[in-house]
Amino acid sequence: MGIRVAVAGASGYAGGELLRLIAGHPEFDLVAATAHSQAGAPVSAVHPQLTGIDLVFGSTDPATLADADLVFLALPHGQSAAIAAALPETVKVVDLGADHRLIDADAWARYYGGPHAGTWTYGLPELPGQRTAIAAANRVAATGCYAVATTLALAPLVAAGAVSPDDVVVVASSGTSGAGRAAKIHLLGSEVMGDLSVYKVGAHQHVPEIKQATGAASLSFTPVLAPMPRGILATVTARPVDGGPDPREVLTQAYADAPFVHVLPEGAWPRTSATLGSNSCHLQVGTDVDSGRVIVVSAIDNLGKGAAGQAVQCANLMLGLPETAGLSAYGVMP
């Protein structure tokens, strides 16, 4: 018998990816998977890619989850806190939702609404000191998908004084799975294919998380819906600091020992297809010849490093396992 894990909200895209990773994990045993409207359905009926997992979705309540050693909460924003509060303190929890990411309660109210549930250990292991903090925690708040792509590109540069924390601009394109599995007209194939569209312009909920994690003081963030199922490509630009360190050297040193973050060789630029199915982030840095701004391009799989893979990476640390257990640094092409 391995480590007993459960997934709440397992019928969604991130939940399905968690189930796939758990099934291939050398130490995890899946003991429960819960859903809302799909409760009572076989896992393989909802996720045909998981044919062979002989399990039926249960209802999402603490009693169904409390027998696990670790619980992943893959629930909509605002729904994790009540479930987590009802679980025994002995059960470790990784929350893929936003309920416990933010320190500032006013920022939560502004971008999400409702009461602030409190702050957990932030689940981005590549930030300084976070591996140790995550390993010591019983409750970890996994990062937002856009936040992962942007933070890995920007945080080391701000911390090293290579770029100014003011006037950071991010334009990031995401696959449609980032919007969840609920049926919505604007996500229909005939609406998305052959089209790029912006959404939540100037008011995306990941803005306060990105500022908190990177140290950015001023952030303009524009998300773009791209005609692909999964992946994020983020372009992050900032003003260089006169006399500051070389941005490429900063990123290379920051991730020298990071198994999932790769600064690409000069001249090679990140692409979402190269990170598909992996827990990796690909980075490249350059300089705009006209404005002089530093440009960092970041690519991740939004369901991998941006959600389920990141959550498993945190769980590994919390459970004293190798950080890379059950995860791949390599994508799937074509």
C-alpha atoms as a PDB file:
ATOM      1  CA  MET A   1       0.000   0.000   0.000  1.00  0.00           C
ATOM      2  CA  GLY A   2       1.411   3.355  -1.056  1.00  0.00           C
ATOM      3  CA  ILE A   3       0.559   6.881  -0.007  1.00  0.00           C
ATOM      4  CA  ARG A   4      -3.207   7.317  -0.068  1.00  0.00           C
ATOM      5  CA  VAL A   5      -4.324  10.308  -2.135  1.00  0.00           C
ATOM      6  CA  ALA A   6      -7.718  11.706  -3.113  1.00  0.00           C
ATOM      7  CA  VAL A   7      -8.845  14.278  -5.670  1.00  0.00           C
ATOM      8  CA  ALA A   8     -11.841  16.579  -5.188  1.00  0.00           C
ATOM      9  CA  GLY A   9     -13.178  18.054  -8.407  1.00  0.00           C
ATOM     10  CA  ALA A  10     -11.709  15.204 -10.421  1.00  0.00           C
ATOM     11  CA  SER A  11     -14.167  15.463 -13.327  1.00  0.00           C
ATOM     12  CA  GLY A  12     -12.643  18.704 -14.653  1.00  0.00           C
ATOM     13  CA  TYR A  13      -9.636  19.098 -16.908  1.00  0.00           C
ATOM     14  CA  ALA A  14      -7.151  19.771 -14.099  1.00  0.00           C
ATOM     15  CA  GLY A  15      -8.714  16.985 -12.047  1.00  0.00           C
ATOM     16  CA  GLY A  16      -8.411  14.556 -14.936  1.00  0.00           C
ATOM     17  CA  GLU A  17      -4.768  15.470 -15.401  1.00  0.00           C
ATOM     18  CA  LEU A  18      -4.210  14.864 -11.684  1.00  0.00           C
ATOM     19  CA  LEU A  19      -5.765  11.411 -12.016  1.00  0.00           C
ATOM     20  CA  ARG A  20      -3.469  10.632 -14.957  1.00  0.00           C
ATOM     21  CA  LEU A  21      -0.364  11.693 -13.034  1.00  0.00           C
ATOM     22  CA  ILE A  22      -1.415   9.829  -9.900  1.00  0.00           C
ATOM     23  CA  ALA A  23      -1.991   6.658 -11.924  1.00  0.00           C
ATOM     24  CA  GLY A  24       1.626   6.787 -13.101  1.00  0.00           C
ATOM     25  CA  HIS A  25       3.124   7.860  -9.790  1.00  0.00           C
ATOM     26  CA  PRO A  26       5.413   5.278  -8.149  1.00  0.00           C
ATOM     27  CA  GLU A  27       4.240   6.035  -4.591  1.00  0.00           C
ATOM     28  CA  PHE A  28       0.607   7.181  -4.859  1.00  0.00           C
ATOM     29  CA  ASP A  29      -2.526   5.084  -4.471  1.00  0.00           C
ATOM     30  CA  LEU A  30      -5.741   6.787  -5.586  1.00  0.00           C
ATOM     31  CA  VAL A  31      -8.402   6.069  -2.941  1.00  0.00           C
ATOM     32  CA  ALA A  32     -11.099   8.599  -3.880  1.00  0.00           C
ATOM     33  CA  ALA A  33     -12.079  10.898  -6.718  1.00  0.00           C
ATOM     34  CA  THR A  34     -15.059  13.186  -6.279  1.00  0.00           C
ATOM     35  CA  ALA A  35     -17.246  15.251  -8.560  1.00  0.00           C
ATOM     36  CA  HIS A  36     -20.424  17.309  -8.473  1.00  0.00           C
ATOM     37  CA  SER A  37     -22.794  16.594 -11.358  1.00  0.00           C
ATOM     38  CA  GLN A  38     -20.756  13.541 -12.389  1.00  0.00           C
ATOM     39  CA  ALA A  39     -20.946  11.830  -8.999  1.00  0.00           C
ATOM     40  CA  GLY A  40     -21.823   8.159  -9.516  1.00  0.00           C
ATOM     41  CA  ALA A  41     -20.248   7.983 -12.981  1.00  0.00           C
ATOM     42  CA  PRO A  42     -17.210   5.806 -13.714  1.00  0.00           C
ATOM     43  CA  VAL A  43     -13.998   7.776 -14.094  1.00  0.00           C
ATOM     44  CA  SER A  44     -13.412   6.353 -17.577  1.00  0.00           C
ATOM     45  CA  ALA A  45     -16.858   7.505 -18.739  1.00  0.00           C
ATOM     46  CA  VAL A  46     -15.879  11.121 -18.040  1.00  0.00           C
ATOM     47  CA  HIS A  47     -12.184  10.809 -18.888  1.00  0.00           C
ATOM     48  CA  PRO A  48     -11.886   8.219 -21.699  1.00  0.00           C
ATOM     49  CA  GLN A  49      -8.101   8.686 -21.681  1.00  0.00           C
ATOM     50  CA  LEU A  50      -8.143   7.065 -18.238  1.00  0.00           C
ATOM     51  CA  THR A  51      -9.749   3.786 -19.273  1.00  0.00           C
ATOM     52  CA  GLY A  52      -8.351   1.210 -16.857  1.00  0.00           C
ATOM     53  CA  ILE A  53      -8.885   3.278 -13.707  1.00  0.00           C
ATOM     54  CA  ASP A  54     -11.625   1.240 -12.051  1.00  0.00           C
ATOM     55  CA  LEU A  55     -13.168   3.917  -9.847  1.00  0.00           C
ATOM     56  CA  VAL A  56     -16.504   5.705  -9.576  1.00  0.00           C
ATOM     57  CA  PHE A  57     -16.759   9.405  -8.769  1.00  0.00           C
ATOM     58  CA  GLY A  58     -18.034  10.055  -5.263  1.00  0.00           C
ATOM     59  CA  SER A  59     -19.733  13.182  -4.002  1.00  0.00           C
ATOM     60  CA  THR A  60     -17.522  16.027  -2.862  1.00  0.00           C
ATOM     61  CA  ASP A  61     -17.751  16.032   0.901  1.00  0.00           C
ATOM     62  CA  PRO A  62     -15.094  15.865   3.624  1.00  0.00           C
ATOM     63  CA  ALA A  63     -16.088  12.361   4.716  1.00  0.00           C
ATOM     64  CA  THR A  64     -15.236  10.984   1.279  1.00  0.00           C
ATOM     65  CA  LEU A  65     -11.778  12.563   1.396  1.00  0.00           C
ATOM     66  CA  ALA A  66     -10.765  12.314   5.055  1.00  0.00           C
ATOM     67  CA  ASP A  67      -9.264   8.820   4.845  1.00  0.00           C
ATOM     68  CA  ALA A  68      -6.496   9.974   2.497  1.00  0.00           C
ATOM     69  CA  ASP A  69      -2.974  10.953   3.492  1.00  0.00           C
ATOM     70  CA  LEU A  70      -3.084  13.842   1.029  1.00  0.00           C
ATOM     71  CA  VAL A  71      -5.973  15.531  -0.773  1.00  0.00           C
ATOM     72  CA  PHE A  72      -5.808  17.551  -3.974  1.00  0.00           C
ATOM     73  CA  LEU A  73      -8.583  20.143  -4.247  1.00  0.00           C
ATOM     74  CA  ALA A  74      -9.281  20.882  -7.928  1.00  0.00           C
ATOM     75  CA  LEU A  75     -12.408  22.909  -7.284  1.00  0.00           C
ATOM     76  CA  PRO A  76     -13.665  26.245  -8.653  1.00  0.00           C
ATOM     77  CA  HIS A  77     -12.381  29.356  -6.918  1.00  0.00           C
ATOM     78  CA  GLY A  78     -14.206  29.959  -3.649  1.00  0.00           C
ATOM     79  CA  GLN A  79     -15.189  26.321  -3.077  1.00  0.00           C
ATOM     80  CA  SER A  80     -12.000  24.885  -1.564  1.00  0.00           C
ATOM     81  CA  ALA A  81     -11.933  26.673   1.781  1.00  0.00           C
ATOM     82  CA  ALA A  82     -15.000  25.022   3.313  1.00  0.00           C
ATOM     83  CA  ILE A  83     -13.858  21.522   2.314  1.00  0.00           C
ATOM     84  CA  ALA A  84     -10.307  22.116   3.560  1.00  0.00           C
ATOM     85  CA  ALA A  85     -11.511  23.485   6.894  1.00  0.00           C
ATOM     86  CA  ALA A  86     -13.498  20.301   7.501  1.00  0.00           C
ATOM     87  CA  LEU A  87     -10.592  17.927   6.851  1.00  0.00           C
ATOM     88  CA  PRO A  88      -8.469  16.659   9.759  1.00  0.00           C
ATOM     89  CA  GLU A  89      -5.217  18.542  10.355  1.00  0.00           C
ATOM     90  CA  THR A  90      -3.385  15.247   9.833  1.00  0.00           C
ATOM     91  CA  VAL A  91      -4.463  15.214   6.178  1.00  0.00           C
ATOM     92  CA  LYS A  92      -2.123  17.171   3.919  1.00  0.00           C
ATOM     93  CA  VAL A  93      -3.873  19.348   1.323  1.00  0.00           C
ATOM     94  CA  VAL A  94      -2.823  20.934  -1.955  1.00  0.00           C
ATOM     95  CA  ASP A  95      -5.377  23.445  -3.222  1.00  0.00           C
ATOM     96  CA  LEU A  96      -5.314  24.093  -6.980  1.00  0.00           C
ATOM     97  CA  GLY A  97      -7.862  26.893  -6.571  1.00  0.00           C
ATOM     98  CA  ALA A  98      -7.191  30.490  -5.589  1.00  0.00           C
ATOM     99  CA  ASP A  99      -8.788  30.411  -2.126  1.00  0.00           C
ATOM    100  CA  HIS A 100      -5.535  30.429  -0.148  1.00  0.00           C
ATOM    101  CA  ARG A 101      -2.974  32.065  -2.476  1.00  0.00           C
ATOM    102  CA  LEU A 102      -3.286  35.740  -1.606  1.00  0.00           C
ATOM    103  CA  ILE A 103      -1.900  37.449   1.475  1.00  0.00           C
ATOM    104  CA  ASP A 104      -3.933  40.641   0.996  1.00  0.00           C
ATOM    105  CA  ALA A 105      -7.590  40.161   1.947  1.00  0.00           C
ATOM    106  CA  ASP A 106      -8.541  43.377   0.143  1.00  0.00           C
ATOM    107  CA  ALA A 107      -7.007  42.050  -3.083  1.00  0.00           C
ATOM    108  CA  TRP A 108      -9.066  38.862  -2.681  1.00  0.00           C
ATOM    109  CA  ALA A 109     -12.262  40.866  -2.218  1.00  0.00           C
ATOM    110  CA  ARG A 110     -11.465  43.057  -5.229  1.00  0.00           C
ATOM    111  CA  TYR A 111     -10.684  40.271  -7.682  1.00  0.00           C
ATOM    112  CA  TYR A 112     -12.711  37.327  -6.366  1.00  0.00           C
ATOM    113  CA  GLY A 113     -15.302  38.662  -3.930  1.00  0.00           C
ATOM    114  CA  GLY A 114     -16.526  37.132  -0.682  1.00  0.00           C
ATOM    115  CA  PRO A 115     -14.598  36.512   2.539  1.00  0.00           C
ATOM    116  CA  HIS A 116     -10.869  35.804   2.474  1.00  0.00           C
ATOM    117  CA  ALA A 117     -10.143  32.235   3.633  1.00  0.00           C
ATOM    118  CA  GLY A 118      -6.598  32.935   4.834  1.00  0.00           C
ATOM    119  CA  THR A 119      -3.160  32.329   3.372  1.00  0.00           C
ATOM    120  CA  TRP A 120      -1.360  29.016   2.937  1.00  0.00           C
ATOM    121  CA  THR A 121       2.224  28.272   1.945  1.00  0.00           C
ATOM    122  CA  TYR A 122       2.641  29.322  -1.686  1.00  0.00           C
ATOM    123  CA  GLY A 123       3.231  26.351  -3.965  1.00  0.00           C
ATOM    124  CA  LEU A 124       5.928  27.456  -6.394  1.00  0.00           C
ATOM    125  CA  PRO A 125       9.041  25.443  -5.435  1.00  0.00           C
ATOM    126  CA  GLU A 126      11.382  27.410  -7.717  1.00  0.00           C
ATOM    127  CA  LEU A 127      11.028  30.605  -5.689  1.00  0.00           C
ATOM    128  CA  PRO A 128      13.821  31.146  -3.125  1.00  0.00           C
ATOM    129  CA  GLY A 129      13.138  29.250   0.081  1.00  0.00           C
ATOM    130  CA  GLN A 130       9.870  27.733  -1.105  1.00  0.00           C
ATOM    131  CA  ARG A 131      11.052  24.131  -1.382  1.00  0.00           C
ATOM    132  CA  THR A 132      11.836  24.133   2.335  1.00  0.00           C
ATOM    133  CA  ALA A 133       8.596  25.917   3.196  1.00  0.00           C
ATOM    134  CA  ILE A 134       6.491  23.518   1.108  1.00  0.00           C
ATOM    135  CA  ALA A 135       8.237  20.473   2.585  1.00  0.00           C
ATOM    136  CA  ALA A 136       7.334  21.683   6.091  1.00  0.00           C
ATOM    137  CA  ALA A 137       3.704  22.530   5.287  1.00  0.00           C
ATOM    138  CA  ASN A 138       0.469  20.587   5.717  1.00  0.00           C
ATOM    139  CA  ARG A 139      -1.481  23.062   3.574  1.00  0.00           C
ATOM    140  CA  VAL A 140      -0.157  24.402   0.263  1.00  0.00           C
ATOM    141  CA  ALA A 141      -1.804  26.782  -2.208  1.00  0.00           C
ATOM    142  CA  ALA A 142      -0.785  25.817  -5.737  1.00  0.00           C
ATOM    143  CA  THR A 143      -0.188  28.647  -8.175  1.00  0.00           C
ATOM    144  CA  GLY A 144      -2.407  29.997 -10.917  1.00  0.00           C
ATOM    145  CA  CYS A 145      -1.473  28.952 -14.455  1.00  0.00           C
ATOM    146  CA  TYR A 146      -0.751  32.439 -15.786  1.00  0.00           C
ATOM    147  CA  ALA A 147       1.045  33.189 -12.519  1.00  0.00           C
ATOM    148  CA  VAL A 148       3.452  30.255 -12.994  1.00  0.00           C
ATOM    149  CA  ALA A 149       4.410  31.297 -16.521  1.00  0.00           C
ATOM    150  CA  THR A 150       4.897  34.944 -15.546  1.00  0.00           C
ATOM    151  CA  THR A 151       6.549  34.449 -12.155  1.00  0.00           C
ATOM    152  CA  LEU A 152       9.215  32.064 -13.417  1.00  0.00           C
ATOM    153  CA  ALA A 153      10.073  34.580 -16.152  1.00  0.00           C
ATOM    154  CA  LEU A 154      10.105  37.677 -13.950  1.00  0.00           C
ATOM    155  CA  ALA A 155      10.734  36.991 -10.247  1.00  0.00           C
ATOM    156  CA  PRO A 156      14.507  36.318 -10.425  1.00  0.00           C
ATOM    157  CA  LEU A 157      15.062  39.442 -12.540  1.00  0.00           C
ATOM    158  CA  VAL A 158      13.235  41.701 -10.081  1.00  0.00           C
ATOM    159  CA  ALA A 159      14.973  40.113  -7.079  1.00  0.00           C
ATOM    160  CA  ALA A 160      18.423  40.539  -8.650  1.00  0.00           C
ATOM    161  CA  GLY A 161      17.815  44.139  -9.666  1.00  0.00           C
ATOM    162  CA  ALA A 162      18.111  43.328 -13.365  1.00  0.00           C
ATOM    163  CA  VAL A 163      14.750  44.925 -14.214  1.00  0.00           C
ATOM    164  CA  SER A 164      12.564  47.554 -12.619  1.00  0.00           C
ATOM    165  CA  PRO A 165       9.482  46.336 -10.736  1.00  0.00           C
ATOM    166  CA  ASP A 166       7.565  49.249 -12.249  1.00  0.00           C
ATOM    167  CA  ASP A 167       5.880  49.159 -15.648  1.00  0.00           C
ATOM    168  CA  VAL A 168       5.874  45.394 -16.187  1.00  0.00           C
ATOM    169  CA  VAL A 169       3.788  44.351 -19.201  1.00  0.00           C
ATOM    170  CA  VAL A 170       2.575  40.796 -19.811  1.00  0.00           C
ATOM    171  CA  VAL A 171       0.628  39.445 -22.772  1.00  0.00           C
ATOM    172  CA  ALA A 172      -0.125  35.738 -22.411  1.00  0.00           C
ATOM    173  CA  SER A 173      -2.041  33.321 -24.614  1.00  0.00           C
ATOM    174  CA  SER A 174      -3.750  30.285 -23.107  1.00  0.00           C
ATOM    175  CA  GLY A 175      -5.436  27.172 -24.428  1.00  0.00           C
ATOM    176  CA  THR A 176      -9.156  26.740 -23.871  1.00  0.00           C
ATOM    177  CA  SER A 177      -8.771  24.124 -21.108  1.00  0.00           C
ATOM    178  CA  GLY A 178      -7.747  27.000 -18.833  1.00  0.00           C
ATOM    179  CA  ALA A 179     -11.389  28.106 -18.822  1.00  0.00           C
ATOM    180  CA  GLY A 180     -12.584  24.794 -17.402  1.00  0.00           C
ATOM    181  CA  ARG A 181     -14.862  22.099 -18.732  1.00  0.00           C
ATOM    182  CA  ALA A 182     -18.251  23.765 -18.373  1.00  0.00           C
ATOM    183  CA  ALA A 183     -20.099  24.257 -21.655  1.00  0.00           C
ATOM    184  CA  LYS A 184     -19.772  27.876 -22.779  1.00  0.00           C
ATOM    185  CA  ILE A 185     -20.626  29.301 -26.192  1.00  0.00           C
ATOM    186  CA  HIS A 186     -17.377  31.243 -26.583  1.00  0.00           C
ATOM    187  CA  LEU A 187     -15.404  28.016 -26.054  1.00  0.00           C
ATOM    188  CA  LEU A 188     -17.144  25.993 -28.760  1.00  0.00           C
ATOM    189  CA  GLY A 189     -14.791  24.710 -31.431  1.00  0.00           C
ATOM    190  CA  SER A 190     -16.531  26.722 -34.144  1.00  0.00           C
ATOM    191  CA  GLU A 191     -16.100  29.883 -32.060  1.00  0.00           C
ATOM    192  CA  VAL A 192     -12.460  29.326 -31.075  1.00  0.00           C
ATOM    193  CA  MET A 193     -10.859  27.826 -34.170  1.00  0.00           C
ATOM    194  CA  GLY A 194      -9.188  30.404 -36.392  1.00  0.00           C
ATOM    195  CA  ASP A 195      -9.609  33.102 -33.765  1.00  0.00           C
ATOM    196  CA  LEU A 196      -7.666  34.957 -31.080  1.00  0.00           C
ATOM    197  CA  SER A 197      -9.589  36.950 -28.492  1.00  0.00           C
ATOM    198  CA  VAL A 198      -8.750  38.854 -25.332  1.00  0.00           C
ATOM    199  CA  TYR A 199     -10.723  38.615 -22.103  1.00  0.00           C
ATOM    200  CA  LYS A 200     -10.772  40.142 -18.604  1.00  0.00           C
ATOM    201  CA  VAL A 201      -8.633  42.956 -19.997  1.00  0.00           C
ATOM    202  CA  GLY A 202      -7.142  45.025 -17.177  1.00  0.00           C
ATOM    203  CA  ALA A 203      -8.863  43.017 -14.461  1.00  0.00           C
ATOM    204  CA  HIS A 204      -7.656  39.406 -14.508  1.00  0.00           C
ATOM    205  CA  GLN A 205      -7.721  37.662 -11.135  1.00  0.00           C
ATOM    206  CA  HIS A 206      -4.105  36.496 -11.395  1.00  0.00           C
ATOM    207  CA  VAL A 207      -2.761  40.070 -11.261  1.00  0.00           C
ATOM    208  CA  PRO A 208      -2.481  40.320  -7.442  1.00  0.00           C
ATOM    209  CA  GLU A 209      -0.946  36.845  -7.255  1.00  0.00           C
ATOM    210  CA  ILE A 210       1.665  37.706  -9.884  1.00  0.00           C
ATOM    211  CA  LYS A 211       2.552  40.959  -8.112  1.00  0.00           C
ATOM    212  CA  GLN A 212       2.788  39.141  -4.778  1.00  0.00           C
ATOM    213  CA  ALA A 213       5.016  36.387  -6.166  1.00  0.00           C
ATOM    214  CA  THR A 214       7.291  38.506  -8.369  1.00  0.00           C
ATOM    215  CA  GLY A 215       7.666  41.761  -6.487  1.00  0.00           C
ATOM    216  CA  ALA A 216       6.249  43.714  -9.438  1.00  0.00           C
ATOM    217  CA  ALA A 217       4.860  47.062  -8.321  1.00  0.00           C
ATOM    218  CA  SER A 218       2.963  47.894 -11.510  1.00  0.00           C
ATOM    219  CA  LEU A 219       1.607  45.251 -13.873  1.00  0.00           C
ATOM    220  CA  SER A 220      -0.355  45.463 -17.105  1.00  0.00           C
ATOM    221  CA  PHE A 221      -1.668  41.987 -17.950  1.00  0.00           C
ATOM    222  CA  THR A 222      -3.600  41.016 -21.063  1.00  0.00           C
ATOM    223  CA  PRO A 223      -4.782  37.397 -21.394  1.00  0.00           C
ATOM    224  CA  VAL A 224      -5.527  35.967 -24.835  1.00  0.00           C
ATOM    225  CA  LEU A 225      -7.663  32.917 -25.628  1.00  0.00           C
ATOM    226  CA  ALA A 226      -5.847  30.842 -28.247  1.00  0.00           C
ATOM    227  CA  PRO A 227      -7.284  28.130 -30.551  1.00  0.00           C
ATOM    228  CA  MET A 228      -5.561  25.194 -28.844  1.00  0.00           C
ATOM    229  CA  PRO A 229      -6.662  22.856 -26.040  1.00  0.00           C
ATOM    230  CA  ARG A 230      -3.742  23.446 -23.661  1.00  0.00           C
ATOM    231  CA  GLY A 231      -0.595  25.503 -23.191  1.00  0.00           C
ATOM    232  CA  ILE A 232       0.422  29.045 -22.216  1.00  0.00           C
ATOM    233  CA  LEU A 233       2.857  31.323 -24.011  1.00  0.00           C
ATOM    234  CA  ALA A 234       3.634  34.461 -22.012  1.00  0.00           C
ATOM    235  CA  THR A 235       5.628  37.463 -23.194  1.00  0.00           C
ATOM    236  CA  VAL A 236       6.911  39.438 -20.210  1.00  0.00           C
ATOM    237  CA  THR A 237       8.620  42.795 -20.702  1.00  0.00           C
ATOM    238  CA  ALA A 238      10.215  45.185 -18.201  1.00  0.00           C
ATOM    239  CA  ARG A 239      12.627  48.115 -18.144  1.00  0.00           C
ATOM    240  CA  PRO A 240      16.252  47.152 -17.453  1.00  0.00           C
ATOM    241  CA  VAL A 241      18.046  48.689 -14.474  1.00  0.00           C
ATOM    242  CA  ASP A 242      21.147  50.674 -15.420  1.00  0.00           C
ATOM    243  CA  GLY A 243      24.214  48.781 -14.260  1.00  0.00           C
ATOM    244  CA  GLY A 244      22.118  45.762 -13.289  1.00  0.00           C
ATOM    245  CA  PRO A 245      23.200  42.163 -13.887  1.00  0.00           C
ATOM    246  CA  ASP A 246      22.745  40.425 -17.210  1.00  0.00           C
ATOM    247  CA  PRO A 247      19.184  39.027 -17.345  1.00  0.00           C
ATOM    248  CA  ARG A 248      20.208  35.800 -19.069  1.00  0.00           C
ATOM    249  CA  GLU A 249      22.856  35.091 -16.448  1.00  0.00           C
ATOM    250  CA  VAL A 250      20.338  35.798 -13.691  1.00  0.00           C
ATOM    251  CA  LEU A 251      17.809  33.321 -15.078  1.00  0.00           C
ATOM    252  CA  THR A 252      20.450  30.689 -15.816  1.00  0.00           C
ATOM    253  CA  GLN A 253      21.808  30.855 -12.275  1.00  0.00           C
ATOM    254  CA  ALA A 254      18.346  30.987 -10.682  1.00  0.00           C
ATOM    255  CA  TYR A 255      17.298  27.725 -12.340  1.00  0.00           C
ATOM    256  CA  ALA A 256      20.613  25.890 -12.468  1.00  0.00           C
ATOM    257  CA  ASP A 257      19.294  23.231 -10.084  1.00  0.00           C
ATOM    258  CA  ALA A 258      15.615  23.382 -11.094  1.00  0.00           C
ATOM    259  CA  PRO A 259      14.656  20.100 -12.794  1.00  0.00           C
ATOM    260  CA  PHE A 260      11.632  21.554 -14.581  1.00  0.00           C
ATOM    261  CA  VAL A 261      12.749  25.043 -15.662  1.00  0.00           C
ATOM    262  CA  HIS A 262      14.918  25.340 -18.759  1.00  0.00           C
ATOM    263  CA  VAL A 263      16.554  28.488 -20.116  1.00  0.00           C
ATOM    264  CA  LEU A 264      16.821  27.650 -23.796  1.00  0.00           C
ATOM    265  CA  PRO A 265      19.989  28.101 -25.873  1.00  0.00           C
ATOM    266  CA  GLU A 266      20.337  31.536 -27.393  1.00  0.00           C
ATOM    267  CA  GLY A 267      18.295  31.864 -30.556  1.00  0.00           C
ATOM    268  CA  ALA A 268      15.747  29.194 -29.539  1.00  0.00           C
ATOM    269  CA  TRP A 269      12.366  30.524 -28.459  1.00  0.00           C
ATOM    270  CA  PRO A 270       9.758  28.730 -26.325  1.00  0.00           C
ATOM    271  CA  ARG A 271       6.766  27.101 -27.952  1.00  0.00           C
ATOM    272  CA  THR A 272       3.764  25.571 -26.225  1.00  0.00           C
ATOM    273  CA  SER A 273       3.917  22.311 -28.168  1.00  0.00           C
ATOM    274  CA  ALA A 274       7.350  21.548 -26.694  1.00  0.00           C
ATOM    275  CA  THR A 275       5.953  21.576 -23.142  1.00  0.00           C
ATOM    276  CA  LEU A 276       2.774  19.590 -23.885  1.00  0.00           C
ATOM    277  CA  GLY A 277       2.202  16.866 -21.290  1.00  0.00           C
ATOM    278  CA  SER A 278       5.202  17.903 -19.205  1.00  0.00           C
ATOM    279  CA  ASN A 279       5.812  19.732 -15.934  1.00  0.00           C
ATOM    280  CA  SER A 280       8.405  21.973 -17.578  1.00  0.00           C
ATOM    281  CA  CYS A 281       8.714  25.674 -18.212  1.00  0.00           C
ATOM    282  CA  HIS A 282      10.810  26.858 -21.157  1.00  0.00           C
ATOM    283  CA  LEU A 283      12.312  30.361 -20.987  1.00  0.00           C
ATOM    284  CA  GLN A 284      14.178  32.653 -23.356  1.00  0.00           C
ATOM    285  CA  VAL A 285      15.339  36.213 -22.766  1.00  0.00           C
ATOM    286  CA  GLY A 286      16.209  39.001 -25.170  1.00  0.00           C
ATOM    287  CA  THR A 287      16.224  42.779 -25.560  1.00  0.00           C
ATOM    288  CA  ASP A 288      13.915  44.918 -27.663  1.00  0.00           C
ATOM    289  CA  VAL A 289      16.258  46.782 -30.016  1.00  0.00           C
ATOM    290  CA  ASP A 290      13.937  49.799 -30.206  1.00  0.00           C
ATOM    291  CA  SER A 291      12.734  50.325 -26.622  1.00  0.00           C
ATOM    292  CA  GLY A 292      15.597  48.601 -24.822  1.00  0.00           C
ATOM    293  CA  ARG A 293      13.103  46.660 -22.686  1.00  0.00           C
ATOM    294  CA  VAL A 294      13.986  43.193 -21.465  1.00  0.00           C
ATOM    295  CA  ILE A 295      11.769  40.505 -23.041  1.00  0.00           C
ATOM    296  CA  VAL A 296      11.290  37.083 -21.466  1.00  0.00           C
ATOM    297  CA  VAL A 297       9.132  34.511 -23.234  1.00  0.00           C
ATOM    298  CA  SER A 298       7.785  31.622 -21.171  1.00  0.00           C
ATOM    299  CA  ALA A 299       5.974  28.455 -22.264  1.00  0.00           C
ATOM    300  CA  ILE A 300       4.211  25.893 -20.073  1.00  0.00           C
ATOM    301  CA  ASP A 301       1.439  23.337 -20.292  1.00  0.00           C
ATOM    302  CA  ASN A 302      -1.342  25.059 -18.346  1.00  0.00           C
ATOM    303  CA  LEU A 303      -2.609  21.686 -17.084  1.00  0.00           C
ATOM    304  CA  GLY A 304       0.947  20.516 -16.264  1.00  0.00           C
ATOM    305  CA  LYS A 305       3.253  23.067 -14.663  1.00  0.00           C
ATOM    306  CA  GLY A 306       0.271  25.416 -14.556  1.00  0.00           C
ATOM    307  CA  ALA A 307      -1.955  23.103 -12.513  1.00  0.00           C
ATOM    308  CA  ALA A 308      -1.790  19.331 -11.924  1.00  0.00           C
ATOM    309  CA  GLY A 309       1.934  18.825 -12.445  1.00  0.00           C
ATOM    310  CA  GLN A 310       2.789  21.709 -10.149  1.00  0.00           C
ATOM    311  CA  ALA A 311       0.420  20.300  -7.518  1.00  0.00           C
ATOM    312  CA  VAL A 312       2.063  16.860  -7.674  1.00  0.00           C
ATOM    313  CA  GLN A 313       5.492  18.511  -7.454  1.00  0.00           C
ATOM    314  CA  CYS A 314       4.370  20.247  -4.238  1.00  0.00           C
ATOM    315  CA  ALA A 315       2.847  17.039  -2.891  1.00  0.00           C
ATOM    316  CA  ASN A 316       6.113  15.205  -3.461  1.00  0.00           C
ATOM    317  CA  LEU A 317       7.943  17.775  -1.352  1.00  0.00           C
ATOM    318  CA  MET A 318       5.293  17.688   1.381  1.00  0.00           C
ATOM    319  CA  LEU A 319       5.558  13.908   1.587  1.00  0.00           C
ATOM    320  CA  GLY A 320       9.362  13.745   1.598  1.00  0.00           C
ATOM    321  CA  LEU A 321       9.535  12.193  -1.870  1.00  0.00           C
ATOM    322  CA  PRO A 322      11.863  13.150  -4.730  1.00  0.00           C
ATOM    323  CA  GLU A 323      10.538  16.363  -6.248  1.00  0.00           C
ATOM    324  CA  THR A 324      10.395  14.787  -9.701  1.00  0.00           C
ATOM    325  CA  ALA A 325       8.525  11.609  -8.741  1.00  0.00           C
ATOM    326  CA  GLY A 326       5.779  10.762 -11.224  1.00  0.00           C
ATOM    327  CA  LEU A 327       6.520  13.804 -13.381  1.00  0.00           C
ATOM    328  CA  SER A 328       8.175  14.285 -16.749  1.00  0.00           C
ATOM    329  CA  ALA A 329      10.399  17.186 -17.772  1.00  0.00           C
ATOM    330  CA  TYR A 330       9.873  16.283 -21.414  1.00  0.00           C
ATOM    331  CA  GLY A 331       6.982  17.190 -23.639  1.00  0.00           C
ATOM    332  CA  VAL A 332       5.117  15.180 -26.275  1.00  0.00           C
ATOM    333  CA  MET A 333       5.375  16.063 -29.965  1.00  0.00           C
ATOM    334  CA  PRO A 334       3.873  16.268 -32.460  1.00  0.00           C
END
